[in-house]
Amino acid sequence: MSAATATFPEAVFLRRPDNTGYGFFFHGEEDFRHAAESFTRPVLQSFVGEPVPGQPDPLDHLKVAISTFLGQAFDKAVPDEAGAEGISRAAAACVRSTFSGAIPRILVIEHKNGRLNLRPGIEFMRHPGHPLAIVVDADAHGGEARFFSTAEQYRDIGESKPNPRCWLPQIVYRLYSRTPSVIAGKPSVDRQTGKHNVECRGMSFGLKAPLEERTVV
């Protein structure tokens, strides 16, 4: 299975050093293009028409805007009104402005030495049997995520007490004994009972990676 998708990434992860961040999923070339242009179009609007002397290069201006916005995401300083959806658009614009050819199926945005680093997320294609990322699939393209480098990290969080900032890993741990490398959980409310539910799905990216429910004894 190829690690590259010709025109769009299936998943883009923004991972902070503390293993929190975001996970975004794109469902096709048009979906990805629309997300990227939703960020780039407003940024580049001021460059329409005749160039102004001393005006910065439009692409340089765009790169600064992307870096600034994603830097706020790493610093947990994105305005509430922008939310995860706004970050997903900046992430899409970052990918689109970086790759001129084939785009990897999975990408990871990290912040190292004061700079943004965009790399292929090869680890998410290996499926060790436990999730490497659990994403609250709350907005159009995804939402907040928690990352795990080892099965021990996942177990420790999974067995911990849920709190308002970390509750989906505990649910996934309780429900499944084996998972693909990425699990997305979408909160929902039963209209009849008012009870809160979570619909989970595993993402295997075309590879064999079963989602097995935990046996209750």
Protein backbone atom coordinates (compact mmCIF):
# COMPACT_ATOMS: atom_id res chain seq x y z
CA MET A 1 0.00 0.00 0.00
CA SER A 2 1.44 3.33 -1.08
CA ALA A 3 2.10 5.93 1.61
CA ALA A 4 1.24 8.73 -0.83
CA THR A 5 -2.09 10.04 -2.06
CA ALA A 6 -1.89 11.89 -5.36
CA THR A 7 -3.90 14.99 -4.52
CA PHE A 8 -4.93 15.08 -0.85
CA PRO A 9 -3.99 13.71 2.58
CA GLU A 10 -6.45 11.40 4.32
CA ALA A 11 -5.32 12.58 7.75
CA VAL A 12 -3.27 15.46 9.15
CA PHE A 13 -2.22 15.48 12.80
CA LEU A 14 -0.97 18.48 14.76
CA ARG A 15 1.00 16.99 17.65
CA ARG A 16 2.27 18.98 20.62
CA PRO A 17 5.21 17.78 22.76
CA ASP A 18 2.76 16.95 25.58
CA ASN A 19 0.95 14.45 23.28
CA THR A 20 -2.14 16.61 22.87
CA GLY A 21 -3.17 18.30 19.64
CA TYR A 22 -5.58 17.80 16.76
CA GLY A 23 -6.52 15.23 14.15
CA PHE A 24 -8.10 16.20 10.83
CA PHE A 25 -9.58 13.95 8.15
CA PHE A 26 -10.22 14.85 4.51
CA HIS A 27 -12.67 12.87 2.41
CA GLY A 28 -11.45 13.67 -1.08
CA GLU A 29 -9.59 16.14 -3.27
CA GLU A 30 -12.47 18.63 -3.37
CA ASP A 31 -12.96 18.53 0.40
CA PHE A 32 -9.24 19.15 0.95
CA ARG A 33 -9.07 21.92 -1.65
CA HIS A 34 -12.09 23.70 -0.18
CA ALA A 35 -10.58 23.54 3.32
CA ALA A 36 -7.25 24.97 2.12
CA GLU A 37 -8.85 27.73 0.06
CA SER A 38 -11.10 28.72 2.97
CA PHE A 39 -7.89 29.80 4.71
CA THR A 40 -5.83 31.09 1.79
CA ARG A 41 -8.52 33.11 0.01
CA PRO A 42 -9.09 35.71 2.78
CA VAL A 43 -5.33 36.01 3.38
CA LEU A 44 -4.58 36.72 -0.28
CA GLN A 45 -7.55 39.02 -0.96
CA SER A 46 -5.49 42.15 -0.33
CA PHE A 47 -3.11 41.18 -3.15
CA VAL A 48 -5.78 41.27 -5.88
CA GLY A 49 -5.10 43.88 -8.57
CA GLU A 50 -1.95 45.79 -9.43
CA PRO A 51 1.06 45.15 -7.15
CA VAL A 52 1.77 47.88 -4.62
CA PRO A 53 5.41 49.07 -4.27
CA GLY A 54 6.97 47.58 -1.15
CA GLN A 55 4.18 45.03 -0.79
CA PRO A 56 5.38 41.63 0.51
CA ASP A 57 5.33 38.63 -1.79
CA PRO A 58 1.84 37.03 -1.56
CA LEU A 59 3.17 33.50 -0.98
CA ASP A 60 5.55 34.69 1.73
CA HIS A 61 2.65 36.53 3.37
CA LEU A 62 0.56 33.35 3.21
CA LYS A 63 3.31 31.25 4.78
CA VAL A 64 3.61 33.76 7.65
CA ALA A 65 -0.17 33.64 8.18
CA ILE A 66 -0.16 29.83 8.24
CA SER A 67 2.81 29.68 10.60
CA THR A 68 1.27 32.27 12.93
CA PHE A 69 -2.10 30.54 13.12
CA LEU A 70 -0.67 27.06 13.61
CA GLY A 71 1.76 28.50 16.17
CA GLN A 72 -1.28 29.66 18.13
CA ALA A 73 -2.64 26.11 17.92
CA PHE A 74 0.56 24.75 19.43
CA ASP A 75 0.40 27.39 22.16
CA LYS A 76 -3.30 26.63 22.82
CA ALA A 77 -4.07 30.27 21.99
CA VAL A 78 -6.44 29.95 19.01
CA PRO A 79 -9.53 32.16 19.50
CA ASP A 80 -12.60 30.17 20.54
CA GLU A 81 -14.57 31.38 17.53
CA ALA A 82 -12.03 29.77 15.17
CA GLY A 83 -12.11 26.39 16.90
CA ALA A 84 -10.86 23.11 15.48
CA GLU A 85 -12.48 23.88 12.13
CA GLY A 86 -10.32 26.97 11.69
CA ILE A 87 -7.19 25.01 12.59
CA SER A 88 -8.12 22.30 10.08
CA ARG A 89 -8.24 24.92 7.33
CA ALA A 90 -4.82 26.29 8.29
CA ALA A 91 -3.44 22.74 8.37
CA ALA A 92 -4.85 22.07 4.89
CA ALA A 93 -3.33 25.33 3.61
CA CYS A 94 0.01 24.34 5.15
CA VAL A 95 -0.02 21.01 3.32
CA ARG A 96 -1.14 22.51 0.02
CA SER A 97 1.54 25.22 0.10
CA THR A 98 4.26 22.65 0.91
CA PHE A 99 3.66 19.88 -1.63
CA SER A 100 3.72 20.43 -5.38
CA GLY A 101 3.47 16.73 -6.26
CA ALA A 102 2.05 13.63 -4.59
CA ILE A 103 0.91 14.18 -1.02
CA PRO A 104 1.50 11.55 1.71
CA ARG A 105 -1.69 9.88 2.93
CA ILE A 106 -0.93 10.83 6.52
CA LEU A 107 0.97 13.92 7.68
CA VAL A 108 2.15 15.16 11.07
CA ILE A 109 2.73 18.82 11.90
CA GLU A 110 5.20 19.30 14.77
CA HIS A 111 6.87 22.33 16.32
CA LYS A 112 10.63 21.90 16.71
CA ASN A 113 13.31 24.49 17.44
CA GLY A 114 10.84 27.31 16.97
CA ARG A 115 9.79 26.13 13.49
CA LEU A 116 6.90 24.15 12.05
CA ASN A 117 7.90 20.74 10.73
CA LEU A 118 5.63 18.81 8.33
CA ARG A 119 6.48 15.14 7.85
CA PRO A 120 4.84 11.91 6.62
CA GLY A 121 3.10 10.04 9.46
CA ILE A 122 4.52 6.64 8.58
CA GLU A 123 3.93 5.32 12.10
CA PHE A 124 0.16 5.50 11.62
CA MET A 125 0.41 2.97 8.77
CA ARG A 126 1.86 0.26 11.06
CA HIS A 127 -1.16 -0.51 13.32
CA PRO A 128 0.45 -1.99 16.48
CA GLY A 129 -2.94 -3.05 17.89
CA HIS A 130 -3.52 -0.03 20.09
CA PRO A 131 -4.36 3.54 19.06
CA LEU A 132 -1.54 5.96 18.35
CA ALA A 133 -4.10 8.77 18.09
CA ILE A 134 -7.63 9.18 19.45
CA VAL A 135 -9.56 12.07 17.93
CA VAL A 136 -12.76 13.71 19.13
CA ASP A 137 -14.46 13.95 15.74
CA ALA A 138 -16.51 17.00 16.67
CA ASP A 139 -16.17 19.36 13.68
CA ALA A 140 -16.33 19.00 9.91
CA HIS A 141 -12.78 17.62 9.65
CA GLY A 142 -12.06 16.31 13.14
CA GLY A 143 -11.07 17.86 16.44
CA GLU A 144 -8.89 17.58 19.51
CA ALA A 145 -6.63 14.55 19.76
CA ARG A 146 -4.57 12.62 22.25
CA PHE A 147 -1.45 10.77 21.05
CA PHE A 148 0.29 7.64 22.37
CA SER A 149 3.79 6.44 21.51
CA THR A 150 3.52 3.14 23.41
CA ALA A 151 0.90 0.66 24.59
CA GLU A 152 1.88 1.54 28.17
CA GLN A 153 1.06 5.22 27.65
CA TYR A 154 -2.32 4.29 26.22
CA ARG A 155 -3.06 1.87 29.06
CA ASP A 156 -2.15 4.43 31.73
CA ILE A 157 -4.48 7.04 30.23
CA GLY A 158 -7.17 4.45 29.46
CA GLU A 159 -7.26 3.27 33.06
CA SER A 160 -7.28 6.81 34.48
CA LYS A 161 -10.35 8.73 35.58
CA PRO A 162 -12.00 10.73 32.77
CA ASN A 163 -12.03 14.52 33.00
CA PRO A 164 -13.40 17.31 30.80
CA ARG A 165 -10.11 17.53 28.85
CA CYS A 166 -9.52 13.78 28.45
CA TRP A 167 -12.43 11.35 28.31
CA LEU A 168 -12.48 9.61 24.91
CA PRO A 169 -9.34 7.44 25.46
CA GLN A 170 -10.97 5.98 28.58
CA ILE A 171 -14.10 5.07 26.59
CA VAL A 172 -12.11 3.50 23.75
CA TYR A 173 -9.97 1.54 26.23
CA ARG A 174 -13.08 0.17 27.94
CA LEU A 175 -14.80 -0.81 24.67
CA TYR A 176 -12.01 -2.30 22.54
CA SER A 177 -9.21 -4.80 23.10
CA ARG A 178 -7.59 -4.17 19.72
CA THR A 179 -7.81 -1.16 17.43
CA PRO A 180 -6.33 0.38 14.28
CA SER A 181 -3.74 3.11 14.83
CA VAL A 182 -6.35 5.90 14.70
CA ILE A 183 -9.73 5.98 16.44
CA ALA A 184 -12.22 8.80 15.94
CA GLY A 185 -15.12 9.23 18.32
CA LYS A 186 -18.11 11.41 17.51
CA PRO A 187 -20.23 12.60 20.48
CA SER A 188 -23.98 12.47 19.99
CA VAL A 189 -27.15 12.94 22.02
CA ASP A 190 -30.16 10.61 21.88
CA ARG A 191 -33.10 12.88 21.05
CA GLN A 192 -35.58 10.64 22.82
CA THR A 193 -33.72 9.97 26.07
CA GLY A 194 -31.31 12.92 26.18
CA LYS A 195 -28.44 10.52 26.95
CA HIS A 196 -24.97 11.25 25.60
CA ASN A 197 -23.38 8.64 23.34
CA VAL A 198 -20.13 8.25 21.42
CA GLU A 199 -19.92 6.65 17.98
CA CYS A 200 -16.41 5.27 17.40
CA ARG A 201 -14.74 4.32 14.14
CA GLY A 202 -11.32 2.95 13.39
CA MET A 203 -9.20 4.24 10.54
CA SER A 204 -6.93 1.67 8.91
CA PHE A 205 -6.01 3.64 5.74
CA GLY A 206 -6.65 0.63 3.52
CA LEU A 207 -4.52 -1.79 5.54
CA LYS A 208 -5.55 -4.77 7.66
CA ALA A 209 -6.22 -3.47 11.17
CA PRO A 210 -9.21 -5.06 12.97
CA LEU A 211 -11.32 -3.26 15.55
CA GLU A 212 -12.09 -5.87 18.22
CA GLU A 213 -14.50 -5.33 21.09
CA ARG A 214 -13.30 -6.13 24.58
CA THR A 215 -14.76 -9.27 26.06
CA VAL A 216 -16.72 -8.62 29.24
CA VAL A 217 -16.39 -11.43 31.76
